[in-house]
């Protein structure tokens, strides 16, 4: 398995990279890959939020923050520098083919990673995403093609939370959000934190699905 750190990059370009890796993974030309990235500010609409009114369009227009449709599951969320986004491109067709199991896996590995940096996060199948004391810290929206995964999960680490007050995150009114920075009263080191998340992901993927060989490639 490869870890691909794209630094800070635009949403559209990273999506193109995902689709390229997705098609190559389906063809067996590349190994499973975990993309890690921070995005330039953007609002994304999942399949359930394609015609959503659950955000302040005027605010985002004035802030020059684009609103981009996406084929991932879920509704509306936003990305910005300081938020870690993880896009696993993983072939499940010869493993456990269960979407709920995969979503649980993602939420568990993010919760465990946050716990390791001191954030008391937890997940529950009844409330999708990852939570800290009834505030949401991680947001999930996945897609699969021929049982190869793409899209994934975003985790609020050091990012500005104000844009979330201008929307109903995941289409749910009244959802409060938090970040590692807010929980710890300090910024986290992104480089070190990415390594924690990557290593936890690889270990948990091997435990959940087996047969994983980790190769760290930081570019």
N, C-alpha and C. Protein backbone atom coordinates (compact mmCIF):
# COMPACT_ATOMS: atom_id res chain seq x y z
N UNK A 1 0.84 -1.19 0.00
CA UNK A 1 0.00 0.00 0.00
C UNK A 1 0.87 1.24 0.00
N UNK A 2 0.45 2.26 -0.74
CA UNK A 2 1.20 3.51 -0.83
C UNK A 2 0.46 4.63 -0.12
N UNK A 3 1.23 5.54 0.48
CA UNK A 3 0.70 6.75 1.09
C UNK A 3 1.14 7.92 0.22
N UNK A 4 0.20 8.67 -0.30
CA UNK A 4 0.50 9.77 -1.21
C UNK A 4 0.06 11.08 -0.56
N UNK A 5 1.03 11.89 -0.13
CA UNK A 5 0.75 13.18 0.51
C UNK A 5 0.84 14.27 -0.55
N UNK A 6 -0.29 14.91 -0.85
CA UNK A 6 -0.35 15.92 -1.90
C UNK A 6 -0.22 17.33 -1.35
N UNK A 7 0.05 17.47 -0.05
CA UNK A 7 0.21 18.81 0.53
C UNK A 7 -1.11 19.56 0.52
N UNK A 8 -1.09 20.81 0.04
CA UNK A 8 -2.30 21.61 -0.11
C UNK A 8 -2.59 21.77 -1.59
N UNK A 9 -3.78 21.39 -2.00
CA UNK A 9 -4.09 21.36 -3.43
C UNK A 9 -5.57 21.63 -3.67
N UNK A 10 -5.90 22.05 -4.88
CA UNK A 10 -7.28 22.30 -5.26
C UNK A 10 -8.10 21.03 -5.35
N UNK A 11 -9.38 21.15 -5.09
CA UNK A 11 -10.27 19.99 -5.07
C UNK A 11 -10.35 19.30 -6.43
N UNK A 12 -10.51 20.08 -7.49
CA UNK A 12 -10.72 19.49 -8.81
C UNK A 12 -9.52 18.69 -9.27
N UNK A 13 -8.32 19.23 -9.07
CA UNK A 13 -7.12 18.52 -9.48
C UNK A 13 -6.93 17.22 -8.72
N UNK A 14 -7.25 17.25 -7.41
CA UNK A 14 -7.11 16.03 -6.61
C UNK A 14 -8.16 15.01 -7.02
N UNK A 15 -9.36 15.47 -7.37
CA UNK A 15 -10.38 14.55 -7.85
C UNK A 15 -9.91 13.86 -9.13
N UNK A 16 -9.30 14.61 -10.03
CA UNK A 16 -8.78 14.01 -11.26
C UNK A 16 -7.72 12.96 -10.93
N UNK A 17 -6.87 13.25 -9.95
CA UNK A 17 -5.85 12.30 -9.53
C UNK A 17 -6.51 11.04 -8.97
N UNK A 18 -7.56 11.24 -8.15
CA UNK A 18 -8.29 10.09 -7.62
C UNK A 18 -8.85 9.20 -8.73
N UNK A 19 -9.51 9.83 -9.70
CA UNK A 19 -10.14 9.07 -10.77
C UNK A 19 -9.10 8.31 -11.57
N UNK A 20 -7.94 8.93 -11.81
CA UNK A 20 -6.86 8.25 -12.51
C UNK A 20 -6.39 7.03 -11.72
N UNK A 21 -6.16 7.20 -10.42
CA UNK A 21 -5.75 6.08 -9.58
C UNK A 21 -6.84 5.02 -9.49
N UNK A 22 -8.09 5.47 -9.41
CA UNK A 22 -9.22 4.55 -9.34
C UNK A 22 -9.23 3.62 -10.55
N UNK A 23 -9.12 4.21 -11.74
CA UNK A 23 -9.16 3.39 -12.95
C UNK A 23 -7.94 2.47 -13.05
N UNK A 24 -6.79 2.96 -12.63
CA UNK A 24 -5.59 2.12 -12.64
C UNK A 24 -5.69 1.00 -11.61
N UNK A 25 -6.33 1.30 -10.46
CA UNK A 25 -6.49 0.26 -9.44
C UNK A 25 -7.45 -0.82 -9.93
N UNK A 26 -8.52 -0.42 -10.59
CA UNK A 26 -9.46 -1.39 -11.16
C UNK A 26 -8.75 -2.29 -12.15
N UNK A 27 -7.83 -1.71 -12.92
CA UNK A 27 -7.09 -2.47 -13.92
C UNK A 27 -5.92 -3.26 -13.32
N UNK A 28 -5.69 -3.08 -12.01
CA UNK A 28 -4.59 -3.79 -11.37
C UNK A 28 -3.22 -3.23 -11.67
N UNK A 29 -3.16 -1.96 -12.09
CA UNK A 29 -1.89 -1.35 -12.48
C UNK A 29 -1.17 -0.66 -11.33
N UNK A 30 -1.89 -0.37 -10.24
CA UNK A 30 -1.29 0.30 -9.09
C UNK A 30 -1.77 -0.39 -7.82
N UNK A 31 -1.04 -0.25 -6.71
CA UNK A 31 -1.49 -0.84 -5.45
C UNK A 31 -2.56 0.04 -4.79
N UNK A 32 -3.14 -0.45 -3.70
CA UNK A 32 -4.00 0.38 -2.88
C UNK A 32 -3.22 1.64 -2.48
N UNK A 33 -3.91 2.77 -2.47
CA UNK A 33 -3.25 4.05 -2.19
C UNK A 33 -4.12 4.89 -1.27
N UNK A 34 -3.49 5.50 -0.27
CA UNK A 34 -4.18 6.47 0.58
C UNK A 34 -3.67 7.85 0.22
N UNK A 35 -4.55 8.68 -0.36
CA UNK A 35 -4.22 10.07 -0.65
C UNK A 35 -4.52 10.90 0.59
N UNK A 36 -3.56 11.74 0.98
CA UNK A 36 -3.76 12.66 2.10
C UNK A 36 -3.53 14.08 1.57
N UNK A 37 -4.43 15.00 1.90
CA UNK A 37 -4.35 16.33 1.30
C UNK A 37 -5.07 17.35 2.18
N UNK A 38 -4.65 18.59 2.07
CA UNK A 38 -5.42 19.73 2.56
C UNK A 38 -5.90 20.47 1.32
N UNK A 39 -7.17 20.85 1.30
CA UNK A 39 -7.70 21.53 0.13
C UNK A 39 -7.71 23.04 0.29
N UNK A 40 -7.58 23.74 -0.84
CA UNK A 40 -7.91 25.15 -0.86
C UNK A 40 -9.41 25.26 -0.54
N UNK A 41 -9.86 26.40 0.01
CA UNK A 41 -11.27 26.50 0.43
C UNK A 41 -12.25 26.10 -0.68
N UNK A 42 -13.19 25.22 -0.32
CA UNK A 42 -14.19 24.75 -1.28
C UNK A 42 -15.36 24.15 -0.51
N UNK A 43 -16.55 24.29 -1.05
CA UNK A 43 -17.75 23.60 -0.55
C UNK A 43 -18.08 22.51 -1.54
N UNK A 44 -18.32 21.30 -1.04
CA UNK A 44 -18.67 20.20 -1.94
C UNK A 44 -20.06 19.67 -1.61
N UNK A 45 -20.79 19.32 -2.65
CA UNK A 45 -22.14 18.78 -2.53
C UNK A 45 -22.12 17.32 -2.98
N UNK A 46 -22.45 16.41 -2.08
CA UNK A 46 -22.55 15.01 -2.43
C UNK A 46 -23.82 14.72 -3.21
N UNK A 47 -24.01 13.45 -3.52
CA UNK A 47 -25.18 13.08 -4.35
C UNK A 47 -26.50 13.48 -3.71
N UNK A 48 -26.57 13.43 -2.39
CA UNK A 48 -27.81 13.79 -1.71
C UNK A 48 -27.99 15.29 -1.54
N UNK A 49 -26.93 16.06 -1.85
CA UNK A 49 -27.00 17.50 -1.67
C UNK A 49 -26.92 18.27 -2.96
N UNK A 50 -27.15 17.59 -4.07
CA UNK A 50 -26.98 18.22 -5.38
C UNK A 50 -27.87 19.45 -5.56
N UNK A 51 -29.04 19.45 -4.93
CA UNK A 51 -29.94 20.61 -5.02
C UNK A 51 -30.19 21.19 -3.64
N UNK A 52 -29.17 21.11 -2.79
CA UNK A 52 -29.32 21.53 -1.40
C UNK A 52 -29.42 23.05 -1.28
N UNK A 53 -30.28 23.49 -0.36
CA UNK A 53 -30.36 24.90 0.02
C UNK A 53 -29.84 25.09 1.44
N UNK A 54 -29.11 24.08 1.95
CA UNK A 54 -28.70 24.08 3.35
C UNK A 54 -27.37 24.81 3.56
N UNK A 55 -27.16 25.89 2.76
CA UNK A 55 -25.95 26.68 2.95
C UNK A 55 -26.20 28.10 2.45
N UNK A 56 -25.38 29.04 2.93
CA UNK A 56 -25.50 30.45 2.59
C UNK A 56 -24.69 30.70 1.31
N UNK A 57 -25.34 30.54 0.18
CA UNK A 57 -24.64 30.66 -1.10
C UNK A 57 -24.02 32.05 -1.27
N UNK A 58 -24.71 33.08 -0.80
CA UNK A 58 -24.20 34.45 -0.95
C UNK A 58 -22.90 34.63 -0.18
N UNK A 59 -22.83 34.06 1.04
CA UNK A 59 -21.62 34.16 1.84
C UNK A 59 -20.43 33.54 1.11
N UNK A 60 -20.61 32.34 0.60
CA UNK A 60 -19.50 31.65 -0.05
C UNK A 60 -19.11 32.33 -1.35
N UNK A 61 -20.09 32.93 -2.04
CA UNK A 61 -19.77 33.68 -3.25
C UNK A 61 -18.91 34.90 -2.93
N UNK A 62 -19.29 35.61 -1.86
CA UNK A 62 -18.51 36.80 -1.46
C UNK A 62 -17.11 36.43 -1.01
N UNK A 63 -16.95 35.24 -0.44
CA UNK A 63 -15.64 34.78 0.02
C UNK A 63 -14.83 34.13 -1.11
N UNK A 64 -15.40 34.12 -2.31
CA UNK A 64 -14.76 33.47 -3.47
C UNK A 64 -14.44 32.00 -3.20
N UNK A 65 -15.35 31.35 -2.48
CA UNK A 65 -15.22 29.92 -2.20
C UNK A 65 -16.15 29.16 -3.15
N UNK A 66 -15.62 28.37 -4.05
CA UNK A 66 -16.48 27.68 -5.03
C UNK A 66 -17.32 26.60 -4.37
N UNK A 67 -18.48 26.35 -4.98
CA UNK A 67 -19.36 25.27 -4.58
C UNK A 67 -19.34 24.24 -5.70
N UNK A 68 -18.89 23.01 -5.38
CA UNK A 68 -18.60 22.02 -6.40
C UNK A 68 -19.45 20.77 -6.18
N UNK A 69 -20.18 20.31 -7.20
CA UNK A 69 -20.90 19.04 -7.06
C UNK A 69 -19.93 17.87 -7.07
N UNK A 70 -20.32 16.81 -6.39
CA UNK A 70 -19.46 15.62 -6.27
C UNK A 70 -20.31 14.38 -6.34
N UNK A 71 -19.71 13.28 -6.78
CA UNK A 71 -20.43 12.00 -6.86
C UNK A 71 -20.29 11.17 -5.60
N UNK A 72 -19.67 11.73 -4.55
CA UNK A 72 -19.58 11.01 -3.28
C UNK A 72 -20.95 10.92 -2.63
N UNK A 73 -21.05 10.04 -1.64
CA UNK A 73 -22.27 9.98 -0.85
C UNK A 73 -22.37 11.17 0.08
N UNK A 74 -23.53 11.32 0.70
CA UNK A 74 -23.72 12.40 1.66
C UNK A 74 -24.22 13.68 1.02
N UNK A 75 -24.22 14.75 1.84
CA UNK A 75 -24.78 16.02 1.37
C UNK A 75 -23.71 17.09 1.26
N UNK A 76 -23.70 18.08 2.15
CA UNK A 76 -22.83 19.24 2.01
C UNK A 76 -21.75 19.28 3.08
N UNK A 77 -20.56 19.68 2.68
CA UNK A 77 -19.49 19.94 3.65
C UNK A 77 -18.54 20.95 3.03
N UNK A 78 -17.52 21.35 3.79
CA UNK A 78 -16.53 22.28 3.25
C UNK A 78 -15.13 21.82 3.63
N UNK A 79 -14.17 22.22 2.83
CA UNK A 79 -12.77 21.89 3.05
C UNK A 79 -11.96 23.18 3.04
N UNK A 80 -10.84 23.17 3.75
CA UNK A 80 -9.95 24.33 3.80
C UNK A 80 -8.61 23.89 4.36
N UNK A 81 -7.56 24.69 4.15
CA UNK A 81 -6.27 24.35 4.74
C UNK A 81 -6.39 24.16 6.26
N UNK A 82 -5.65 23.19 6.77
CA UNK A 82 -5.75 22.86 8.19
C UNK A 82 -6.68 21.70 8.47
N UNK A 83 -7.48 21.34 7.47
CA UNK A 83 -8.34 20.15 7.57
C UNK A 83 -7.66 19.02 6.80
N UNK A 84 -7.55 17.87 7.41
CA UNK A 84 -6.95 16.70 6.74
C UNK A 84 -8.04 15.92 6.02
N UNK A 85 -7.83 15.72 4.73
CA UNK A 85 -8.76 14.91 3.93
C UNK A 85 -8.03 13.64 3.51
N UNK A 86 -8.69 12.52 3.69
CA UNK A 86 -8.11 11.21 3.36
C UNK A 86 -8.99 10.54 2.31
N UNK A 87 -8.37 10.22 1.18
CA UNK A 87 -9.07 9.57 0.08
C UNK A 87 -8.44 8.18 -0.15
N UNK A 88 -8.99 7.13 0.42
CA UNK A 88 -8.46 5.79 0.15
C UNK A 88 -8.95 5.28 -1.21
N UNK A 89 -8.00 4.82 -2.02
CA UNK A 89 -8.32 4.13 -3.27
C UNK A 89 -7.93 2.67 -3.02
N UNK A 90 -8.90 1.89 -2.56
CA UNK A 90 -8.65 0.54 -2.04
C UNK A 90 -9.57 -0.45 -2.73
N UNK A 91 -9.01 -1.54 -3.20
CA UNK A 91 -9.77 -2.58 -3.89
C UNK A 91 -10.37 -3.54 -2.86
N UNK A 92 -11.69 -3.58 -2.79
CA UNK A 92 -12.39 -4.46 -1.84
C UNK A 92 -13.01 -5.68 -2.50
N UNK A 93 -12.85 -5.84 -3.81
CA UNK A 93 -13.65 -6.87 -4.48
C UNK A 93 -13.29 -8.29 -4.05
N UNK A 94 -12.05 -8.49 -3.58
CA UNK A 94 -11.67 -9.81 -3.08
C UNK A 94 -11.57 -9.82 -1.55
N UNK A 95 -12.18 -8.81 -0.93
CA UNK A 95 -12.19 -8.71 0.53
C UNK A 95 -13.65 -8.67 0.97
N UNK A 96 -13.91 -8.08 2.10
CA UNK A 96 -15.28 -8.01 2.61
C UNK A 96 -16.05 -6.92 1.85
N UNK A 97 -17.02 -7.32 1.06
CA UNK A 97 -17.77 -6.36 0.25
C UNK A 97 -19.01 -5.91 1.01
N UNK A 98 -18.80 -4.95 1.89
CA UNK A 98 -19.86 -4.47 2.78
C UNK A 98 -19.62 -2.98 3.00
N UNK A 99 -20.49 -2.13 2.45
CA UNK A 99 -20.29 -0.68 2.50
C UNK A 99 -20.35 -0.17 3.94
N UNK A 100 -21.31 -0.63 4.72
CA UNK A 100 -21.42 -0.19 6.12
C UNK A 100 -20.17 -0.56 6.92
N UNK A 101 -19.65 -1.76 6.66
CA UNK A 101 -18.42 -2.20 7.33
C UNK A 101 -17.26 -1.26 6.97
N UNK A 102 -17.17 -0.88 5.71
CA UNK A 102 -16.10 0.02 5.27
C UNK A 102 -16.23 1.40 5.92
N UNK A 103 -17.44 1.92 5.97
CA UNK A 103 -17.65 3.23 6.61
C UNK A 103 -17.30 3.15 8.10
N UNK A 104 -17.72 2.08 8.76
CA UNK A 104 -17.34 1.88 10.17
C UNK A 104 -15.83 1.85 10.33
N UNK A 105 -15.15 1.16 9.40
CA UNK A 105 -13.69 1.10 9.44
C UNK A 105 -13.08 2.49 9.37
N UNK A 106 -13.54 3.32 8.42
CA UNK A 106 -13.00 4.67 8.29
C UNK A 106 -13.22 5.48 9.57
N UNK A 107 -14.41 5.38 10.12
CA UNK A 107 -14.71 6.15 11.33
C UNK A 107 -13.91 5.65 12.52
N UNK A 108 -13.72 4.35 12.62
CA UNK A 108 -12.91 3.80 13.72
C UNK A 108 -11.46 4.24 13.62
N UNK A 109 -10.89 4.20 12.42
CA UNK A 109 -9.47 4.54 12.30
C UNK A 109 -9.24 6.02 12.53
N UNK A 110 -10.18 6.87 12.12
CA UNK A 110 -10.05 8.30 12.41
C UNK A 110 -10.21 8.58 13.90
N UNK A 111 -11.17 7.91 14.54
CA UNK A 111 -11.35 8.07 15.99
C UNK A 111 -10.09 7.67 16.73
N UNK A 112 -9.51 6.53 16.36
CA UNK A 112 -8.30 6.05 17.03
C UNK A 112 -7.13 7.01 16.80
N UNK A 113 -7.02 7.56 15.61
CA UNK A 113 -5.95 8.51 15.31
C UNK A 113 -6.10 9.77 16.15
N UNK A 114 -7.33 10.28 16.24
CA UNK A 114 -7.57 11.47 17.05
C UNK A 114 -7.28 11.19 18.52
N UNK A 115 -7.65 10.02 19.00
CA UNK A 115 -7.35 9.64 20.38
C UNK A 115 -5.84 9.71 20.63
N UNK A 116 -5.05 9.28 19.64
CA UNK A 116 -3.60 9.25 19.82
C UNK A 116 -3.00 10.64 19.93
N UNK A 117 -3.65 11.65 19.37
CA UNK A 117 -3.12 13.01 19.52
C UNK A 117 -3.83 13.76 20.65
N UNK A 118 -4.62 13.04 21.43
CA UNK A 118 -5.21 13.62 22.63
C UNK A 118 -6.63 14.13 22.51
N UNK A 119 -7.28 13.87 21.37
CA UNK A 119 -8.67 14.31 21.17
C UNK A 119 -9.61 13.16 21.50
N UNK A 120 -10.55 13.36 22.44
CA UNK A 120 -11.44 12.27 22.88
C UNK A 120 -12.58 12.00 21.89
N UNK A 121 -12.21 11.58 20.70
CA UNK A 121 -13.19 11.36 19.64
C UNK A 121 -13.77 9.96 19.72
N UNK A 122 -14.97 9.80 19.17
CA UNK A 122 -15.61 8.49 19.12
C UNK A 122 -16.55 8.43 17.94
N UNK A 123 -16.89 7.21 17.55
CA UNK A 123 -17.85 7.04 16.47
C UNK A 123 -18.94 6.08 16.94
N UNK A 124 -20.09 6.23 16.33
CA UNK A 124 -21.20 5.33 16.59
C UNK A 124 -21.95 5.10 15.29
N UNK A 125 -22.32 3.86 14.99
CA UNK A 125 -23.04 3.60 13.73
C UNK A 125 -24.36 4.36 13.62
N UNK A 126 -24.91 4.78 14.76
CA UNK A 126 -26.18 5.51 14.73
C UNK A 126 -26.02 6.95 14.24
N UNK A 127 -24.79 7.50 14.38
CA UNK A 127 -24.52 8.88 13.97
C UNK A 127 -23.27 8.87 13.11
N UNK A 128 -23.44 8.95 11.81
CA UNK A 128 -22.29 8.87 10.93
C UNK A 128 -21.34 10.04 11.14
N UNK A 129 -20.06 9.80 10.86
CA UNK A 129 -19.03 10.77 11.14
C UNK A 129 -18.34 10.43 12.44
N UNK A 130 -17.47 11.33 12.89
CA UNK A 130 -16.75 11.17 14.15
C UNK A 130 -17.06 12.38 15.02
N UNK A 131 -17.24 12.13 16.32
CA UNK A 131 -17.78 13.14 17.22
C UNK A 131 -16.91 13.33 18.46
N UNK A 132 -16.95 14.54 19.01
CA UNK A 132 -16.32 14.84 20.29
C UNK A 132 -17.36 15.59 21.13
N UNK A 133 -17.88 14.91 22.15
CA UNK A 133 -18.87 15.53 23.05
C UNK A 133 -20.00 16.22 22.26
N UNK A 134 -20.62 15.47 21.37
CA UNK A 134 -21.77 15.91 20.58
C UNK A 134 -21.44 16.98 19.55
N UNK A 135 -20.16 17.20 19.29
CA UNK A 135 -19.74 18.07 18.20
C UNK A 135 -19.04 17.21 17.14
N UNK A 136 -19.32 17.50 15.91
CA UNK A 136 -18.76 16.68 14.82
C UNK A 136 -17.37 17.18 14.43
N UNK A 137 -16.43 16.27 14.34
CA UNK A 137 -15.06 16.63 14.00
C UNK A 137 -14.61 16.01 12.67
N UNK A 138 -15.29 14.99 12.21
CA UNK A 138 -14.92 14.35 10.94
C UNK A 138 -16.18 14.01 10.15
N UNK A 139 -16.06 14.13 8.83
CA UNK A 139 -17.21 14.03 7.92
C UNK A 139 -16.89 13.02 6.83
N UNK A 140 -17.84 12.16 6.55
CA UNK A 140 -17.57 11.06 5.64
C UNK A 140 -18.49 11.12 4.42
N UNK A 141 -17.90 10.80 3.28
CA UNK A 141 -18.66 10.71 2.04
C UNK A 141 -17.86 9.88 1.05
N UNK A 142 -18.33 8.71 0.75
CA UNK A 142 -17.54 7.77 -0.06
C UNK A 142 -18.23 7.47 -1.38
N UNK A 143 -17.47 6.83 -2.26
CA UNK A 143 -18.03 6.28 -3.50
C UNK A 143 -17.24 5.03 -3.82
N UNK A 144 -17.84 4.14 -4.60
CA UNK A 144 -17.17 2.93 -5.04
C UNK A 144 -17.47 2.69 -6.52
N UNK A 145 -16.49 2.14 -7.21
CA UNK A 145 -16.66 1.71 -8.59
C UNK A 145 -16.04 0.34 -8.71
N UNK A 146 -16.84 -0.64 -9.08
CA UNK A 146 -16.39 -2.04 -9.16
C UNK A 146 -15.68 -2.45 -7.87
N UNK A 147 -16.24 -2.01 -6.76
CA UNK A 147 -15.74 -2.33 -5.42
C UNK A 147 -14.33 -1.78 -5.14
N UNK A 148 -13.95 -0.73 -5.86
CA UNK A 148 -12.77 0.04 -5.50
C UNK A 148 -13.24 1.37 -4.93
N UNK A 149 -12.72 1.75 -3.78
CA UNK A 149 -13.20 2.93 -3.08
C UNK A 149 -12.53 4.20 -3.60
N UNK A 150 -13.26 5.30 -3.48
CA UNK A 150 -12.66 6.63 -3.66
C UNK A 150 -13.50 7.62 -2.86
N UNK A 151 -13.13 8.91 -2.92
CA UNK A 151 -13.61 9.89 -1.94
C UNK A 151 -13.24 9.38 -0.54
N UNK A 152 -13.86 9.88 0.53
CA UNK A 152 -13.39 9.41 1.83
C UNK A 152 -13.87 10.22 3.02
N UNK A 153 -12.92 10.74 3.82
CA UNK A 153 -13.28 11.34 5.09
C UNK A 153 -12.40 12.56 5.35
N UNK A 154 -12.99 13.62 5.89
CA UNK A 154 -12.25 14.84 6.22
C UNK A 154 -12.29 15.05 7.73
N UNK A 155 -11.17 15.56 8.27
CA UNK A 155 -11.00 15.69 9.72
C UNK A 155 -10.58 17.12 10.04
N UNK A 156 -11.35 17.79 10.86
CA UNK A 156 -11.02 19.15 11.27
C UNK A 156 -9.86 19.13 12.26
N UNK A 157 -8.73 19.67 11.85
CA UNK A 157 -7.57 19.74 12.73
C UNK A 157 -7.30 21.19 13.13
N UNK A 158 -6.74 21.98 12.21
CA UNK A 158 -6.43 23.39 12.51
C UNK A 158 -7.29 24.37 11.73
N UNK A 159 -8.21 23.90 10.95
CA UNK A 159 -8.95 24.77 10.03
C UNK A 159 -9.94 25.69 10.72
N UNK A 160 -10.25 26.79 10.04
CA UNK A 160 -11.26 27.75 10.49
C UNK A 160 -12.63 27.09 10.46
N UNK A 161 -13.37 27.19 11.54
CA UNK A 161 -14.68 26.54 11.62
C UNK A 161 -15.84 27.45 11.20
N UNK A 162 -15.56 28.72 10.95
CA UNK A 162 -16.65 29.65 10.63
C UNK A 162 -17.48 29.23 9.42
N UNK A 163 -16.88 28.71 8.34
CA UNK A 163 -17.71 28.31 7.20
C UNK A 163 -18.79 27.29 7.55
N UNK A 164 -18.54 26.45 8.57
CA UNK A 164 -19.54 25.47 8.96
C UNK A 164 -20.78 26.13 9.57
N UNK A 165 -20.62 27.36 10.08
CA UNK A 165 -21.78 28.07 10.64
C UNK A 165 -22.66 28.63 9.54
N UNK A 166 -22.17 28.56 8.30
CA UNK A 166 -22.92 29.09 7.16
C UNK A 166 -23.60 27.98 6.37
N UNK A 167 -23.71 26.79 7.00
CA UNK A 167 -24.34 25.66 6.33
C UNK A 167 -24.91 24.73 7.38
N UNK A 168 -25.68 23.77 6.92
CA UNK A 168 -26.11 22.65 7.76
C UNK A 168 -25.23 21.47 7.39
N UNK A 169 -24.14 21.25 8.13
CA UNK A 169 -23.20 20.20 7.74
C UNK A 169 -23.89 18.86 7.54
N UNK A 170 -23.60 18.23 6.42
CA UNK A 170 -24.22 16.94 6.06
C UNK A 170 -25.73 17.05 5.94
N UNK A 171 -26.23 18.29 5.77
CA UNK A 171 -27.65 18.52 5.59
C UNK A 171 -28.47 18.48 6.87
N UNK A 172 -27.80 18.44 8.02
CA UNK A 172 -28.52 18.34 9.30
C UNK A 172 -28.50 19.66 10.03
N UNK A 173 -29.67 20.22 10.28
CA UNK A 173 -29.77 21.47 11.02
C UNK A 173 -29.29 21.26 12.46
N UNK A 174 -28.63 22.28 12.99
CA UNK A 174 -28.24 22.25 14.39
C UNK A 174 -26.97 21.48 14.69
N UNK A 175 -26.32 20.93 13.65
CA UNK A 175 -25.08 20.18 13.89
C UNK A 175 -23.97 21.15 14.28
N UNK A 176 -23.36 20.92 15.42
CA UNK A 176 -22.22 21.71 15.86
C UNK A 176 -20.94 21.00 15.49
N UNK A 177 -19.92 21.76 15.15
CA UNK A 177 -18.65 21.16 14.73
C UNK A 177 -17.53 21.63 15.64
N UNK A 178 -16.45 20.87 15.63
CA UNK A 178 -15.27 21.22 16.41
C UNK A 178 -14.04 20.83 15.62
N UNK A 179 -12.88 21.06 16.21
CA UNK A 179 -11.60 20.72 15.57
C UNK A 179 -10.63 20.26 16.65
N UNK A 180 -9.53 19.64 16.22
CA UNK A 180 -8.49 19.27 17.18
C UNK A 180 -7.93 20.52 17.86
N UNK A 181 -7.77 21.59 17.09
CA UNK A 181 -7.25 22.84 17.66
C UNK A 181 -8.16 23.35 18.77
N UNK A 182 -9.46 23.31 18.55
CA UNK A 182 -10.41 23.77 19.57
C UNK A 182 -10.37 22.85 20.78
N UNK A 183 -10.30 21.54 20.56
CA UNK A 183 -10.31 20.59 21.67
C UNK A 183 -9.04 20.68 22.52
N UNK A 184 -7.91 20.91 21.86
CA UNK A 184 -6.61 20.89 22.55
C UNK A 184 -6.13 22.28 22.95
N UNK A 185 -6.82 23.32 22.47
CA UNK A 185 -6.44 24.71 22.73
C UNK A 185 -5.05 25.02 22.17
N UNK A 186 -4.71 24.37 21.09
CA UNK A 186 -3.44 24.62 20.40
C UNK A 186 -3.51 23.99 19.01
N UNK A 187 -2.69 24.47 18.11
CA UNK A 187 -2.60 23.85 16.80
C UNK A 187 -1.82 22.54 16.88
N UNK A 188 -2.17 21.61 16.02
CA UNK A 188 -1.40 20.37 15.93
C UNK A 188 -0.41 20.50 14.78
N UNK A 189 0.68 19.75 14.87
CA UNK A 189 1.67 19.71 13.80
C UNK A 189 1.13 18.82 12.68
N UNK A 190 0.88 19.40 11.52
CA UNK A 190 0.22 18.66 10.45
C UNK A 190 1.08 17.50 9.95
N UNK A 191 2.37 17.72 9.81
CA UNK A 191 3.25 16.66 9.31
C UNK A 191 3.22 15.45 10.25
N UNK A 192 3.39 15.70 11.53
CA UNK A 192 3.39 14.61 12.50
C UNK A 192 2.02 13.95 12.59
N UNK A 193 0.98 14.77 12.52
CA UNK A 193 -0.38 14.24 12.63
C UNK A 193 -0.73 13.37 11.41
N UNK A 194 -0.30 13.77 10.23
CA UNK A 194 -0.52 12.94 9.04
C UNK A 194 0.11 11.56 9.21
N UNK A 195 1.30 11.52 9.78
CA UNK A 195 1.96 10.23 9.99
C UNK A 195 1.17 9.36 10.96
N UNK A 196 0.63 9.97 12.02
CA UNK A 196 -0.21 9.22 12.95
C UNK A 196 -1.41 8.61 12.23
N UNK A 197 -2.08 9.42 11.40
CA UNK A 197 -3.27 8.95 10.69
C UNK A 197 -2.90 7.88 9.66
N UNK A 198 -1.80 8.07 8.93
CA UNK A 198 -1.41 7.11 7.91
C UNK A 198 -1.06 5.76 8.52
N UNK A 199 -0.29 5.78 9.60
CA UNK A 199 0.11 4.53 10.24
C UNK A 199 -1.09 3.82 10.86
N UNK A 200 -1.99 4.58 11.48
CA UNK A 200 -3.19 3.98 12.06
C UNK A 200 -4.07 3.38 10.97
N UNK A 201 -4.22 4.11 9.86
CA UNK A 201 -5.02 3.61 8.75
C UNK A 201 -4.48 2.29 8.23
N UNK A 202 -3.16 2.22 8.02
CA UNK A 202 -2.56 1.00 7.48
C UNK A 202 -2.74 -0.18 8.42
N UNK A 203 -2.52 0.05 9.72
CA UNK A 203 -2.70 -1.02 10.70
C UNK A 203 -4.15 -1.49 10.75
N UNK A 204 -5.07 -0.53 10.77
CA UNK A 204 -6.48 -0.88 10.88
C UNK A 204 -6.98 -1.56 9.61
N UNK A 205 -6.45 -1.14 8.45
CA UNK A 205 -6.86 -1.77 7.20
C UNK A 205 -6.41 -3.22 7.17
N UNK A 206 -5.18 -3.47 7.63
CA UNK A 206 -4.69 -4.85 7.67
C UNK A 206 -5.52 -5.68 8.64
N UNK A 207 -5.87 -5.09 9.78
CA UNK A 207 -6.68 -5.82 10.77
C UNK A 207 -8.08 -6.12 10.24
N UNK A 208 -8.67 -5.14 9.55
CA UNK A 208 -10.05 -5.29 9.07
C UNK A 208 -10.14 -6.15 7.82
N UNK A 209 -9.15 -6.04 6.93
CA UNK A 209 -9.25 -6.68 5.62
C UNK A 209 -8.13 -7.66 5.31
N UNK A 210 -6.97 -7.51 5.97
CA UNK A 210 -5.85 -8.43 5.76
C UNK A 210 -5.08 -8.17 4.49
N UNK A 211 -3.86 -8.73 4.46
CA UNK A 211 -3.06 -8.71 3.24
C UNK A 211 -2.54 -7.36 2.82
N UNK A 212 -2.29 -6.45 3.78
CA UNK A 212 -1.83 -5.11 3.43
C UNK A 212 -0.34 -5.00 3.69
N UNK A 213 0.39 -4.45 2.73
CA UNK A 213 1.80 -4.14 2.90
C UNK A 213 1.97 -2.64 2.75
N UNK A 214 2.47 -1.98 3.81
CA UNK A 214 2.57 -0.53 3.82
C UNK A 214 3.90 -0.09 3.23
N UNK A 215 3.81 0.85 2.28
CA UNK A 215 4.99 1.49 1.73
C UNK A 215 4.76 2.99 1.82
N UNK A 216 5.50 3.66 2.72
CA UNK A 216 5.29 5.10 2.88
C UNK A 216 5.97 5.86 1.74
N UNK A 217 5.18 6.60 1.00
CA UNK A 217 5.72 7.43 -0.08
C UNK A 217 5.19 8.83 0.14
N UNK A 218 6.04 9.72 0.61
CA UNK A 218 5.63 11.11 0.88
C UNK A 218 6.17 11.99 -0.24
N UNK A 219 5.25 12.57 -1.03
CA UNK A 219 5.69 13.39 -2.15
C UNK A 219 5.11 14.79 -2.03
